[in-house]
Amino acid sequence: MAESSKLSYIDTGKGTKTLLFIHGFCGSREYWNDIVSKLKDDFRIVAVDLRGHGESEPIAASFSIDDMANDIALVLENLEIDQVYMFGHSLGGYITLAFAERFPGKLSGFSLVHSTALPDDAAGKEGRLKSIETIEAKGVPAFIDGLVPKLFAHSEDPRIEQTKEIGYKTSESGAIGSLHAMRNRVDRNHVLKETKLPVLLVAGEQDKVITPEKTFSVKGSHIQEMTLEGSGHMGMLETPRRLAEEIRRFVESN
């Protein structure tokens, strides 16, 4: 069992329903700022920085996706929150699935945003190792400079520089540990199939990192699908108004 991490988070807004947002790899809770501002008048909102990301402390020991889900459970315990709607972006979606498998009673519903229940294939696993090599050889900033433009549908998107600045705050151990955790994660399509909870799957029409077919890997009457037109891998930054509307509709309809 890996050491647990004390996560930095915001707890804002008001309402009878609580939404919890988990950012993606080399991101931070700042990814969700536009979404939070659009929803905080009607919902209580918690947004976390994952271990080694944003303002959360790094951990030198190796860790798994399950360990990161346990971190989230500890945040909810500390805040004395019984149930949330959980929204996970990319890496955050892998954590959301692990959380849904381990702590289904703590969820009112959950969403994968530009994420997938599929594990890494052979090429994906090799890519994680190459990313680790790049970070070890050149550092996090150089890795971020190569990564971030690929996340957006348009290479001239003005939010690319802002996203790089967020990424630069990621610790080396946080980035490398997360890469190992993602590489080692298991197939969790069974969680999508078997859950009794409402599920929202959100894909970016132009997402080159996780294509829509990888997001929409399971069908079911409890699963809602939504494609963000014109968005790459960063819908919360590229199309925040549309995503916020969909989140609101999902929560209010359940």
Protein backbone atom coordinates (compact mmCIF):
# COMPACT_ATOMS: atom_id res chain seq x y z
CA MET A 1 0.00 0.00 0.00
CA ALA A 2 1.53 3.29 -1.09
CA GLU A 3 1.75 6.22 1.24
CA SER A 4 -1.36 8.43 1.21
CA SER A 5 -1.14 12.04 0.12
CA LYS A 6 -2.59 15.22 1.59
CA LEU A 7 -4.29 16.88 -1.34
CA SER A 8 -4.78 20.60 -1.82
CA TYR A 9 -8.34 21.47 -2.84
CA ILE A 10 -10.98 24.17 -3.06
CA ASP A 11 -14.39 23.84 -1.43
CA THR A 12 -16.75 26.51 -2.71
CA GLY A 13 -20.30 27.20 -3.83
CA LYS A 14 -23.62 26.32 -2.27
CA GLY A 15 -26.38 23.83 -2.88
CA THR A 16 -27.78 20.51 -1.74
CA LYS A 17 -25.73 18.56 -4.31
CA THR A 18 -21.92 18.38 -4.27
CA LEU A 19 -19.80 18.08 -7.41
CA LEU A 20 -16.19 16.89 -7.20
CA PHE A 21 -13.78 17.60 -10.07
CA ILE A 22 -10.52 15.73 -10.75
CA HIS A 23 -8.07 17.14 -13.31
CA GLY A 24 -5.91 15.27 -15.81
CA PHE A 25 -2.21 14.43 -16.02
CA CYS A 26 0.12 17.38 -15.38
CA GLY A 27 -2.88 19.61 -14.72
CA SER A 28 -4.39 21.08 -11.57
CA ARG A 29 -7.75 22.12 -10.19
CA GLU A 30 -7.26 25.35 -12.18
CA TYR A 31 -8.39 23.38 -15.25
CA TRP A 32 -11.92 23.59 -13.85
CA ASN A 33 -12.01 27.34 -13.04
CA ASP A 34 -14.43 28.23 -15.86
CA ILE A 35 -16.73 25.33 -14.97
CA VAL A 36 -16.65 26.16 -11.25
CA SER A 37 -17.55 29.80 -11.90
CA LYS A 38 -20.58 28.73 -13.97
CA LEU A 39 -21.92 26.22 -11.41
CA LYS A 40 -20.96 27.42 -7.93
CA ASP A 41 -24.15 29.45 -7.40
CA ASP A 42 -26.21 26.26 -7.50
CA PHE A 43 -23.91 23.49 -6.28
CA ARG A 44 -21.26 22.90 -3.65
CA ILE A 45 -18.05 22.24 -5.54
CA VAL A 46 -14.82 20.52 -4.52
CA ALA A 47 -11.86 20.51 -6.92
CA VAL A 48 -8.61 18.78 -5.98
CA ASP A 49 -4.95 18.88 -6.96
CA LEU A 50 -3.74 15.29 -7.37
CA ARG A 51 -0.60 14.14 -5.56
CA GLY A 52 2.46 15.84 -7.03
CA HIS A 53 0.29 18.23 -9.05
CA GLY A 54 -0.67 21.86 -8.46
CA GLU A 55 -0.29 22.74 -4.79
CA SER A 56 -0.46 19.16 -3.48
CA GLU A 57 2.64 17.59 -1.98
CA PRO A 58 4.72 15.16 -4.05
CA ILE A 59 5.36 11.61 -2.89
CA ALA A 60 8.60 9.82 -3.72
CA ALA A 61 7.17 6.30 -3.42
CA SER A 62 5.45 4.60 -6.34
CA PHE A 63 1.66 4.65 -6.34
CA SER A 64 -1.32 3.31 -8.25
CA ILE A 65 -4.59 4.65 -9.63
CA ASP A 66 -6.28 2.98 -6.63
CA ASP A 67 -4.02 4.93 -4.25
CA MET A 68 -5.08 8.14 -5.97
CA ALA A 69 -8.73 7.15 -5.54
CA ASN A 70 -8.04 6.60 -1.83
CA ASP A 71 -6.66 10.15 -1.69
CA ILE A 72 -10.02 11.44 -2.93
CA ALA A 73 -11.89 9.34 -0.36
CA LEU A 74 -9.78 10.93 2.39
CA VAL A 75 -10.66 14.43 1.14
CA LEU A 76 -14.36 13.58 1.33
CA GLU A 77 -13.89 12.11 4.79
CA ASN A 78 -12.09 15.25 5.99
CA LEU A 79 -14.86 17.44 4.58
CA GLU A 80 -17.54 15.15 6.05
CA ILE A 81 -19.21 14.81 2.63
CA ASP A 82 -21.25 11.62 2.24
CA GLN A 83 -22.00 11.68 -1.49
CA VAL A 84 -20.82 13.51 -4.59
CA TYR A 85 -21.21 13.61 -8.32
CA MET A 86 -17.65 12.96 -9.54
CA PHE A 87 -16.22 14.33 -12.79
CA GLY A 88 -12.79 13.08 -13.88
CA HIS A 89 -10.78 14.46 -16.78
CA SER A 90 -8.41 12.00 -18.52
CA LEU A 91 -6.21 10.67 -15.65
CA GLY A 92 -8.97 11.96 -13.37
CA GLY A 93 -11.38 9.66 -15.19
CA TYR A 94 -9.20 6.62 -14.45
CA ILE A 95 -9.28 7.65 -10.79
CA THR A 96 -13.06 8.18 -10.95
CA LEU A 97 -13.54 4.62 -12.24
CA ALA A 98 -11.34 3.21 -9.49
CA PHE A 99 -13.33 5.26 -6.95
CA ALA A 100 -16.64 4.01 -8.39
CA GLU A 101 -15.41 0.44 -8.07
CA ARG A 102 -14.16 0.85 -4.50
CA PHE A 103 -16.61 3.37 -3.01
CA PRO A 104 -19.87 3.25 -5.01
CA GLY A 105 -21.90 4.29 -1.97
CA LYS A 106 -20.11 7.66 -1.90
CA LEU A 107 -21.31 8.54 -5.41
CA SER A 108 -24.62 9.92 -6.70
CA GLY A 109 -23.30 9.59 -10.26
CA PHE A 110 -20.03 9.97 -12.13
CA SER A 111 -18.58 11.20 -15.39
CA LEU A 112 -15.55 10.51 -17.56
CA VAL A 113 -14.46 13.65 -19.41
CA HIS A 114 -12.04 12.92 -22.27
CA SER A 115 -11.20 9.63 -20.56
CA THR A 116 -11.70 5.88 -21.05
CA ALA A 117 -12.29 2.65 -19.16
CA LEU A 118 -9.84 0.88 -21.47
CA PRO A 119 -6.29 0.12 -20.29
CA ASP A 120 -3.19 1.20 -22.19
CA ASP A 121 -2.44 -0.93 -25.24
CA ALA A 122 1.14 -1.94 -26.08
CA ALA A 123 1.83 1.31 -27.92
CA GLY A 124 0.36 3.31 -25.05
CA LYS A 125 2.54 1.53 -22.50
CA GLU A 126 5.62 2.21 -24.63
CA GLY A 127 4.61 5.86 -24.89
CA ARG A 128 4.46 6.15 -21.09
CA LEU A 129 8.03 4.85 -20.85
CA LYS A 130 9.21 7.35 -23.46
CA SER A 131 7.53 10.15 -21.53
CA ILE A 132 9.34 9.05 -18.35
CA GLU A 133 12.63 9.04 -20.23
CA THR A 134 11.97 12.57 -21.51
CA ILE A 135 11.17 13.88 -18.02
CA GLU A 136 14.25 12.22 -16.52
CA ALA A 137 16.51 13.57 -19.27
CA LYS A 138 15.08 17.04 -19.86
CA GLY A 139 12.82 17.85 -16.90
CA VAL A 140 9.09 18.53 -16.52
CA PRO A 141 8.99 21.93 -18.34
CA ALA A 142 10.46 20.51 -21.56
CA PHE A 143 8.02 17.60 -21.40
CA ILE A 144 5.09 19.97 -20.86
CA ASP A 145 6.15 22.12 -23.82
CA GLY A 146 5.90 19.04 -26.04
CA LEU A 147 2.70 17.67 -24.50
CA VAL A 148 0.30 20.57 -24.13
CA PRO A 149 -0.15 21.69 -27.78
CA LYS A 150 -1.29 18.14 -28.62
CA LEU A 151 -4.16 18.45 -26.14
CA PHE A 152 -5.98 21.19 -28.03
CA ALA A 153 -7.96 21.01 -31.28
CA HIS A 154 -6.24 24.14 -32.60
CA SER A 155 -2.48 24.73 -32.29
CA GLU A 156 -3.00 28.50 -31.98
CA ASP A 157 -5.46 28.20 -29.06
CA PRO A 158 -4.71 31.08 -26.65
CA ARG A 159 -5.16 28.81 -23.62
CA ILE A 160 -2.14 26.68 -24.51
CA GLU A 161 0.30 28.97 -22.68
CA GLN A 162 -1.94 29.08 -19.59
CA THR A 163 -2.11 25.27 -19.62
CA LYS A 164 1.69 25.04 -19.88
CA GLU A 165 2.05 27.28 -16.81
CA ILE A 166 -0.23 24.93 -14.86
CA GLY A 167 1.79 21.94 -16.03
CA TYR A 168 5.12 23.44 -14.98
CA LYS A 169 3.96 23.18 -11.34
CA THR A 170 3.86 19.37 -11.54
CA SER A 171 6.67 17.74 -9.54
CA GLU A 172 8.93 15.28 -11.33
CA SER A 173 7.93 12.49 -8.94
CA GLY A 174 4.26 13.34 -9.43
CA ALA A 175 4.55 13.19 -13.22
CA ILE A 176 6.63 9.99 -13.32
CA GLY A 177 4.55 8.30 -10.62
CA SER A 178 1.35 9.12 -12.51
CA LEU A 179 2.81 7.78 -15.77
CA HIS A 180 3.61 4.47 -14.08
CA ALA A 181 0.14 4.40 -12.49
CA MET A 182 -1.56 5.02 -15.84
CA ARG A 183 0.62 2.43 -17.58
CA ASN A 184 -0.27 -0.19 -14.96
CA ARG A 185 -3.99 0.53 -14.72
CA VAL A 186 -6.48 -2.26 -15.41
CA ASP A 187 -9.43 -2.48 -17.77
CA ARG A 188 -12.48 -1.03 -15.96
CA ASN A 189 -15.15 -1.46 -18.60
CA HIS A 190 -16.88 -3.79 -16.13
CA VAL A 191 -17.39 -0.80 -13.82
CA LEU A 192 -19.27 1.06 -16.56
CA LYS A 193 -21.32 -2.04 -17.41
CA GLU A 194 -22.23 -3.08 -13.88
CA THR A 195 -22.69 0.20 -12.00
CA LYS A 196 -26.18 1.10 -10.82
CA LEU A 197 -25.21 4.79 -10.91
CA PRO A 198 -25.98 7.28 -13.68
CA VAL A 199 -22.94 7.84 -15.90
CA LEU A 200 -22.02 10.68 -18.25
CA LEU A 201 -19.36 10.05 -20.90
CA VAL A 202 -17.96 13.19 -22.53
CA ALA A 203 -15.70 13.09 -25.59
CA GLY A 204 -14.05 15.76 -27.70
CA GLU A 205 -14.94 15.62 -31.39
CA GLN A 206 -11.31 16.39 -32.29
CA ASP A 207 -9.60 14.70 -29.33
CA LYS A 208 -6.40 13.11 -30.61
CA VAL A 209 -5.36 11.79 -27.17
CA ILE A 210 -8.48 9.77 -26.29
CA THR A 211 -10.77 9.40 -29.29
CA PRO A 212 -14.57 9.34 -28.85
CA GLU A 213 -14.79 5.60 -29.58
CA LYS A 214 -12.44 4.92 -26.67
CA THR A 215 -14.60 7.05 -24.37
CA PHE A 216 -17.84 5.44 -25.55
CA SER A 217 -16.64 1.89 -24.90
CA VAL A 218 -19.81 0.70 -23.11
CA LYS A 219 -23.48 1.32 -23.90
CA GLY A 220 -26.36 1.14 -21.43
CA SER A 221 -29.61 2.78 -20.36
CA HIS A 222 -27.75 4.29 -17.38
CA ILE A 223 -25.05 5.83 -19.61
CA GLN A 224 -25.39 9.18 -21.34
CA GLU A 225 -23.00 10.10 -24.16
CA MET A 226 -22.06 13.61 -25.19
CA THR A 227 -19.60 14.87 -27.83
CA LEU A 228 -18.16 18.38 -27.56
CA GLU A 229 -18.04 19.74 -31.10
CA GLY A 230 -14.83 21.55 -31.98
CA SER A 231 -13.07 20.37 -28.83
CA GLY A 232 -9.85 18.46 -28.45
CA HIS A 233 -8.81 16.89 -25.15
CA MET A 234 -9.51 20.01 -23.05
CA GLY A 235 -13.25 20.65 -23.19
CA MET A 236 -13.27 22.41 -19.82
CA LEU A 237 -11.02 25.06 -21.39
CA GLU A 238 -12.01 24.84 -25.07
CA THR A 239 -15.81 24.67 -24.73
CA PRO A 240 -16.55 25.48 -21.06
CA ARG A 241 -20.04 26.85 -21.57
CA ARG A 242 -21.25 23.73 -23.36
CA LEU A 243 -19.59 21.39 -20.87
CA ALA A 244 -20.99 23.28 -17.88
CA GLU A 245 -24.49 23.09 -19.39
CA GLU A 246 -24.14 19.33 -19.84
CA ILE A 247 -22.85 18.84 -16.29
CA ARG A 248 -25.78 20.84 -14.93
CA ARG A 249 -28.29 18.86 -17.00
CA PHE A 250 -26.76 15.54 -15.91
CA VAL A 251 -26.82 16.41 -12.20
CA GLU A 252 -30.30 17.96 -12.23
CA SER A 253 -31.80 15.03 -14.17
CA ASN A 254 -30.51 12.54 -11.58
